[in-house]
């Protein structure tokens, strides 16, 4: 939590002591305060996504809640509506909290805005210097090339988070003339994106891939369900070749039971995080999240005054992919087949 004057602001969780709750974006592991809070600080897009995806109408902070408190939101580049929080104390100290953030420009999110800060609370998803992401454009071209080649031979099925990554994949595929079929859940989230100015072309499904595309010959689909299970159903019932893929930054750490895995991350790697910290001008860095302790150690070795802010936050899950083993060489991406 951040305490400024008479305000106590929770950060992507629900704390009983807090009188305001900041929700950086609409992923499930960041919306704990959405149901019970009477004073949510979040972007309009985040509030819309929470309502569309989870049926929760979060109560936004009213002007009187923030009387005398200087609160500003900055784009984090993570997904549509994702924001960083910057609070200025009465003595002029600026405290910034990133939430999940990304330095490279995504096709389905606003470009990151880097605030100036004295004290920085920073996401710790990728705490190790050896994990490095390629230029986003290179990964996008690899996805497009692989998909076009495999779509000529059979069906292509991607596993992706329903919110954020699925929309980015759609935008990447749209650029080369591919309109993917998507599950009902993904389609519902896409409609919120399009209502906010994005132009995503997709085919919403009512039934399963097997029922709707079992005899289609070839198609490209995106699912938030376990991609291998979906592929096996489709292949066994329709007797067609199904190629499977995932696009996630965790491809740098884990191997997935798919034909290919692309390291397309919506988080910053260590080098990008260092660039971000340097740009903020922060003198004190507090690492936040599951990787807080190793991230703080890595940052201290890089010359920063860093320590963990909190030792307990929920780990991200892998709802669309089956992890089969940990990759010892975190810098190498190897297809499982």
Protein backbone atom coordinates (compact mmCIF):
# COMPACT_ATOMS: atom_id res chain seq x y z
CA UNK A 1 0.00 0.00 0.00
CA UNK A 2 0.92 3.65 -0.42
CA UNK A 3 0.16 6.06 2.41
CA UNK A 4 0.01 9.73 1.51
CA UNK A 5 -1.48 12.25 3.92
CA UNK A 6 -4.80 10.80 5.06
CA UNK A 7 -5.04 8.42 2.11
CA UNK A 8 -4.05 4.77 1.99
CA UNK A 9 -4.05 3.25 -1.50
CA UNK A 10 -3.85 -0.48 -2.13
CA UNK A 11 -1.93 -1.70 -5.17
CA UNK A 12 -3.66 -4.34 -7.29
CA UNK A 13 -5.11 -6.12 -4.27
CA UNK A 14 -7.73 -5.56 -1.58
CA UNK A 15 -6.41 -4.35 1.75
CA UNK A 16 -8.80 -3.75 4.62
CA UNK A 17 -6.83 -0.69 5.77
CA UNK A 18 -7.02 1.00 2.36
CA UNK A 19 -9.57 3.73 1.65
CA UNK A 20 -8.74 3.70 -2.08
CA UNK A 21 -7.85 0.77 -4.32
CA UNK A 22 -5.76 1.06 -7.47
CA UNK A 23 -6.37 -1.49 -10.24
CA UNK A 24 -3.61 -1.18 -12.84
CA UNK A 25 -5.34 -3.35 -15.46
CA UNK A 26 -8.06 -5.94 -15.92
CA UNK A 27 -6.18 -9.25 -15.69
CA UNK A 28 -7.62 -11.55 -13.03
CA UNK A 29 -4.60 -11.39 -10.71
CA UNK A 30 -4.93 -7.60 -10.42
CA UNK A 31 -8.67 -7.04 -9.84
CA UNK A 32 -9.08 -8.32 -6.29
CA UNK A 33 -10.54 -5.00 -5.16
CA UNK A 34 -13.12 -4.75 -7.95
CA UNK A 35 -15.99 -6.48 -6.13
CA UNK A 36 -15.79 -4.99 -2.65
CA UNK A 37 -14.12 -1.62 -3.01
CA UNK A 38 -16.20 1.56 -2.87
CA UNK A 39 -13.34 3.61 -4.29
CA UNK A 40 -11.50 2.14 -7.29
CA UNK A 41 -8.82 4.08 -9.15
CA UNK A 42 -8.51 2.73 -12.70
CA UNK A 43 -8.84 3.76 -16.33
CA UNK A 44 -12.25 3.77 -18.03
CA UNK A 45 -11.09 0.97 -20.35
CA UNK A 46 -10.11 -1.19 -17.38
CA UNK A 47 -13.50 -0.66 -15.78
CA UNK A 48 -15.22 -1.62 -19.06
CA UNK A 49 -13.13 -4.78 -19.42
CA UNK A 50 -13.81 -5.84 -15.83
CA UNK A 51 -17.54 -5.49 -16.45
CA UNK A 52 -17.47 -7.28 -19.81
CA UNK A 53 -15.18 -10.15 -18.79
CA UNK A 54 -16.27 -10.81 -15.20
CA UNK A 55 -19.65 -9.14 -14.84
CA UNK A 56 -18.32 -6.87 -12.07
CA UNK A 57 -19.28 -3.21 -12.06
CA UNK A 58 -16.48 -1.67 -10.01
CA UNK A 59 -17.19 1.55 -8.15
CA UNK A 60 -14.97 4.33 -9.42
CA UNK A 61 -13.39 6.87 -7.09
CA UNK A 62 -15.33 10.13 -6.95
CA UNK A 63 -13.70 13.58 -6.91
CA UNK A 64 -14.35 13.97 -3.18
CA UNK A 65 -12.35 10.79 -2.47
CA UNK A 66 -9.20 12.39 -3.87
CA UNK A 67 -9.53 15.84 -2.30
CA UNK A 68 -6.08 17.24 -1.58
CA UNK A 69 -4.28 14.23 -3.08
CA UNK A 70 -2.33 14.56 -6.33
CA UNK A 71 -2.96 11.32 -8.26
CA UNK A 72 -2.04 10.82 -11.90
CA UNK A 73 -2.28 7.80 -14.19
CA UNK A 74 0.22 6.99 -16.96
CA UNK A 75 -0.03 4.33 -19.66
CA UNK A 76 2.02 1.22 -18.85
CA UNK A 77 2.01 -0.33 -22.33
CA UNK A 78 0.92 -3.72 -20.92
CA UNK A 79 -2.57 -4.00 -22.46
CA UNK A 80 -5.52 -1.77 -23.29
CA UNK A 81 -6.34 0.50 -20.36
CA UNK A 82 -3.31 -0.55 -18.29
CA UNK A 83 -1.97 2.31 -16.16
CA UNK A 84 0.78 3.25 -13.75
CA UNK A 85 -0.06 5.19 -10.61
CA UNK A 86 1.86 8.29 -9.54
CA UNK A 87 1.06 9.95 -6.21
CA UNK A 88 2.67 13.17 -5.00
CA UNK A 89 2.97 13.58 -1.24
CA UNK A 90 2.50 16.84 0.64
CA UNK A 91 6.26 17.42 0.72
CA UNK A 92 6.47 17.00 -3.06
CA UNK A 93 7.85 13.45 -3.14
CA UNK A 94 6.60 11.54 -6.20
CA UNK A 95 5.85 7.84 -5.65
CA UNK A 96 5.22 5.73 -8.77
CA UNK A 97 3.83 2.19 -9.07
CA UNK A 98 4.15 0.45 -12.44
CA UNK A 99 1.87 -2.56 -12.19
CA UNK A 100 2.70 -4.80 -15.16
CA UNK A 101 4.46 -2.75 -17.82
CA UNK A 102 6.11 -3.07 -21.21
CA UNK A 103 8.66 -0.86 -22.92
CA UNK A 104 8.13 -2.09 -26.50
CA UNK A 105 5.03 -0.90 -28.37
CA UNK A 106 2.21 -3.42 -28.55
CA UNK A 107 -0.38 -3.50 -31.32
CA UNK A 108 -3.14 -3.74 -28.72
CA UNK A 109 -2.07 -1.18 -26.11
CA UNK A 110 -1.07 2.43 -25.79
CA UNK A 111 2.65 3.18 -25.78
CA UNK A 112 4.16 3.42 -22.30
CA UNK A 113 4.51 6.85 -20.69
CA UNK A 114 7.47 7.12 -18.33
CA UNK A 115 6.81 9.36 -15.31
CA UNK A 116 9.37 11.11 -13.17
CA UNK A 117 9.57 9.68 -9.65
CA UNK A 118 11.58 9.89 -6.45
CA UNK A 119 10.50 6.47 -5.22
CA UNK A 120 9.52 3.67 -7.61
CA UNK A 121 7.54 0.49 -6.91
CA UNK A 122 8.19 -1.76 -9.91
CA UNK A 123 6.82 -5.04 -11.30
CA UNK A 124 9.18 -8.02 -10.94
CA UNK A 125 7.86 -10.54 -13.49
CA UNK A 126 11.26 -10.99 -15.19
CA UNK A 127 13.92 -10.41 -12.51
CA UNK A 128 16.96 -12.00 -14.17
CA UNK A 129 19.40 -10.27 -16.57
CA UNK A 130 19.80 -13.42 -18.71
CA UNK A 131 16.19 -13.22 -19.93
CA UNK A 132 16.15 -10.93 -22.95
CA UNK A 133 13.34 -10.37 -25.44
CA UNK A 134 13.99 -9.86 -29.13
CA UNK A 135 12.72 -6.79 -30.95
CA UNK A 136 8.96 -7.11 -31.10
CA UNK A 137 8.85 -6.67 -34.86
CA UNK A 138 11.06 -9.73 -35.37
CA UNK A 139 8.80 -11.92 -33.24
CA UNK A 140 5.67 -10.63 -35.00
CA UNK A 141 7.14 -11.47 -38.43
CA UNK A 142 8.01 -14.98 -37.18
CA UNK A 143 4.41 -15.49 -36.02
CA UNK A 144 3.02 -14.28 -39.34
CA UNK A 145 5.38 -16.41 -41.45
CA UNK A 146 4.84 -19.59 -39.43
CA UNK A 147 1.06 -19.17 -39.41
CA UNK A 148 0.78 -18.53 -43.15
CA UNK A 149 2.95 -21.55 -43.98
CA UNK A 150 1.09 -23.94 -41.66
CA UNK A 151 -2.35 -22.66 -42.68
CA UNK A 152 -1.67 -23.97 -46.17
CA UNK A 153 -1.21 -27.47 -44.77
CA UNK A 154 -3.94 -27.68 -42.14
CA UNK A 155 -5.44 -25.87 -39.20
CA UNK A 156 -3.51 -23.53 -36.91
CA UNK A 157 -4.60 -23.18 -33.29
CA UNK A 158 -3.04 -20.66 -30.88
CA UNK A 159 -3.42 -20.67 -27.11
CA UNK A 160 -3.48 -17.19 -25.60
CA UNK A 161 -4.81 -15.28 -22.62
CA UNK A 162 -8.32 -14.15 -23.51
CA UNK A 163 -7.57 -10.56 -22.60
CA UNK A 164 -4.60 -8.69 -23.99
CA UNK A 165 -2.54 -11.38 -25.73
CA UNK A 166 -5.42 -12.72 -27.86
CA UNK A 167 -6.15 -9.21 -29.14
CA UNK A 168 -2.50 -8.63 -29.95
CA UNK A 169 -2.33 -11.90 -31.86
CA UNK A 170 -5.41 -10.94 -33.85
CA UNK A 171 -3.83 -7.60 -34.81
CA UNK A 172 -0.58 -9.34 -35.84
CA UNK A 173 -2.45 -11.87 -38.01
CA UNK A 174 -4.79 -9.25 -39.49
CA UNK A 175 -1.78 -7.45 -40.94
CA UNK A 176 -1.10 -10.38 -43.29
CA UNK A 177 -4.75 -10.91 -44.22
CA UNK A 178 -5.62 -13.60 -41.67
CA UNK A 179 -8.96 -13.31 -39.83
CA UNK A 180 -8.84 -15.85 -36.99
CA UNK A 181 -11.79 -17.62 -35.43
CA UNK A 182 -12.00 -16.97 -31.69
CA UNK A 183 -13.95 -18.31 -28.74
CA UNK A 184 -17.00 -16.53 -27.39
CA UNK A 185 -15.03 -15.21 -24.41
CA UNK A 186 -12.26 -13.75 -26.57
CA UNK A 187 -14.83 -12.24 -28.95
CA UNK A 188 -16.59 -10.49 -26.07
CA UNK A 189 -13.35 -8.86 -24.97
CA UNK A 190 -12.48 -7.94 -28.57
CA UNK A 191 -15.75 -6.03 -28.82
CA UNK A 192 -14.63 -3.80 -25.94
CA UNK A 193 -11.31 -3.19 -27.69
CA UNK A 194 -13.06 -2.24 -30.92
CA UNK A 195 -15.44 0.05 -29.04
CA UNK A 196 -12.35 1.88 -27.79
CA UNK A 197 -10.84 2.54 -31.20
CA UNK A 198 -9.07 -0.69 -32.13
CA UNK A 199 -9.87 -2.41 -35.43
CA UNK A 200 -9.67 -6.13 -34.82
CA UNK A 201 -11.07 -8.48 -37.47
CA UNK A 202 -12.11 -11.87 -36.07
CA UNK A 203 -14.76 -14.54 -36.47
CA UNK A 204 -16.71 -15.12 -33.23
CA UNK A 205 -17.66 -18.72 -32.59
CA UNK A 206 -20.83 -19.92 -30.91
CA UNK A 207 -19.86 -23.58 -30.58
CA UNK A 208 -16.52 -25.41 -30.33
CA UNK A 209 -13.81 -25.44 -32.99
CA UNK A 210 -14.68 -29.07 -33.74
CA UNK A 211 -18.37 -28.30 -34.30
CA UNK A 212 -17.81 -25.18 -36.36
CA UNK A 213 -14.62 -25.98 -38.26
CA UNK A 214 -14.29 -29.75 -38.20
CA UNK A 215 -14.88 -30.03 -41.95
CA UNK A 216 -13.52 -26.62 -42.97
CA UNK A 217 -10.22 -27.95 -44.29
CA UNK A 218 -8.05 -25.11 -43.03
CA UNK A 219 -8.53 -22.23 -40.60
CA UNK A 220 -6.67 -20.24 -37.95
CA UNK A 221 -8.12 -20.12 -34.44
CA UNK A 222 -7.30 -18.62 -31.03
CA UNK A 223 -8.49 -20.15 -27.77
CA UNK A 224 -8.06 -19.32 -24.09
CA UNK A 225 -8.69 -22.98 -23.20
CA UNK A 226 -5.83 -25.53 -23.02
CA UNK A 227 -4.67 -25.44 -26.61
CA UNK A 228 -3.46 -29.05 -26.71
CA UNK A 229 -6.82 -30.39 -25.53
CA UNK A 230 -8.63 -28.33 -28.16
CA UNK A 231 -6.24 -29.50 -30.88
CA UNK A 232 -6.63 -33.16 -29.94
CA UNK A 233 -10.42 -32.91 -30.09
CA UNK A 234 -10.30 -31.22 -33.47
CA UNK A 235 -7.73 -33.62 -34.91
CA UNK A 236 -9.43 -36.80 -33.73
CA UNK A 237 -12.94 -35.84 -34.80
CA UNK A 238 -12.15 -34.15 -38.11
CA UNK A 239 -9.00 -36.13 -38.96
CA UNK A 240 -7.18 -33.04 -40.12
CA UNK A 241 -3.68 -31.83 -39.37
CA UNK A 242 -3.66 -29.31 -36.52
CA UNK A 243 -0.61 -27.14 -35.79
CA UNK A 244 -0.41 -25.59 -32.32
CA UNK A 245 1.38 -22.54 -30.99
CA UNK A 246 1.60 -20.17 -28.04
CA UNK A 247 2.85 -16.60 -27.80
CA UNK A 248 4.11 -15.64 -24.35
CA UNK A 249 7.18 -14.20 -22.68
CA UNK A 250 7.30 -17.35 -20.57
CA UNK A 251 8.58 -19.11 -23.69
CA UNK A 252 11.95 -17.82 -22.50
CA UNK A 253 11.63 -19.84 -19.29
CA UNK A 254 9.35 -22.82 -19.95
CA UNK A 255 8.77 -25.32 -22.72
CA UNK A 256 5.16 -25.87 -23.72
CA UNK A 257 3.52 -28.91 -25.23
CA UNK A 258 2.92 -27.19 -28.58
CA UNK A 259 4.51 -27.30 -32.03
CA UNK A 260 6.03 -23.86 -31.58
CA UNK A 261 6.31 -21.15 -28.95
CA UNK A 262 6.96 -17.48 -29.62
CA UNK A 263 8.48 -15.22 -26.91
CA UNK A 264 5.93 -12.43 -27.34
CA UNK A 265 5.78 -10.73 -23.95
CA UNK A 266 3.61 -7.96 -22.59
CA UNK A 267 6.17 -7.35 -19.81
CA UNK A 268 9.56 -5.66 -19.76
CA UNK A 269 12.68 -7.80 -19.50
CA UNK A 270 15.52 -6.90 -17.11
CA UNK A 271 17.40 -4.61 -19.50
CA UNK A 272 14.20 -2.78 -20.41
CA UNK A 273 13.37 -2.43 -16.72
CA UNK A 274 16.77 -0.85 -16.09
CA UNK A 275 16.14 1.58 -18.94
CA UNK A 276 12.76 2.42 -17.44
CA UNK A 277 14.14 2.98 -13.92
CA UNK A 278 16.90 5.20 -15.25
CA UNK A 279 14.40 7.28 -17.22
CA UNK A 280 12.20 7.86 -14.14
CA UNK A 281 15.12 9.28 -12.17
CA UNK A 282 14.04 7.31 -9.09
CA UNK A 283 16.53 7.25 -6.22
CA UNK A 284 14.82 4.39 -4.39
CA UNK A 285 13.48 1.27 -6.12
CA UNK A 286 11.07 -1.13 -4.42
CA UNK A 287 10.52 -4.39 -6.30
CA UNK A 288 6.97 -5.77 -6.24
CA UNK A 289 5.65 -9.23 -7.04
CA UNK A 290 6.69 -12.86 -6.98
CA UNK A 291 10.20 -12.14 -8.26
CA UNK A 292 10.76 -9.19 -5.92
CA UNK A 293 13.76 -10.58 -4.03
CA UNK A 294 15.86 -11.79 -7.00
CA UNK A 295 14.94 -8.64 -8.93
CA UNK A 296 16.14 -6.43 -6.07
CA UNK A 297 19.41 -8.39 -5.91
CA UNK A 298 19.93 -8.02 -9.67
CA UNK A 299 19.21 -4.29 -9.50
CA UNK A 300 21.64 -3.78 -6.61
CA UNK A 301 24.35 -5.46 -8.67
CA UNK A 302 23.49 -2.98 -11.44
CA UNK A 303 24.06 -0.09 -9.03
CA UNK A 304 20.53 0.77 -7.88
CA UNK A 305 19.28 1.28 -4.34
CA UNK A 306 16.72 -1.54 -4.49
CA UNK A 307 14.88 -3.77 -2.03
CA UNK A 308 11.66 -5.82 -2.05
CA UNK A 309 8.46 -3.90 -1.37
CA UNK A 310 6.39 -6.96 -0.51
CA UNK A 311 7.05 -10.70 -0.44
CA UNK A 312 3.59 -11.99 -1.38
CA UNK A 313 1.61 -11.55 -4.56
CA UNK A 314 -0.15 -14.16 -6.63
CA UNK A 315 1.80 -15.90 -9.37
CA UNK A 316 0.55 -15.70 -12.93
CA UNK A 317 -1.17 -18.84 -14.14
CA UNK A 318 -1.02 -20.59 -17.47
CA UNK A 319 -4.70 -21.16 -18.35
CA UNK A 320 -4.15 -21.84 -22.05
CA UNK A 321 -0.95 -23.87 -22.04
CA UNK A 322 0.37 -27.05 -20.51
CA UNK A 323 3.88 -26.59 -19.14
CA UNK A 324 5.78 -29.86 -19.54
CA UNK A 325 9.24 -28.99 -18.23
CA UNK A 326 11.40 -26.10 -17.19
CA UNK A 327 13.98 -24.97 -19.72
CA UNK A 328 17.42 -24.89 -18.09
CA UNK A 329 18.69 -22.42 -20.67
CA UNK A 330 16.29 -19.55 -20.14
CA UNK A 331 17.70 -17.70 -23.10
CA UNK A 332 16.85 -20.40 -25.65
CA UNK A 333 13.45 -21.12 -27.18
CA UNK A 334 13.04 -24.68 -28.40
CA UNK A 335 9.89 -26.11 -30.06
CA UNK A 336 8.71 -29.23 -28.28
CA UNK A 337 8.31 -31.07 -31.57
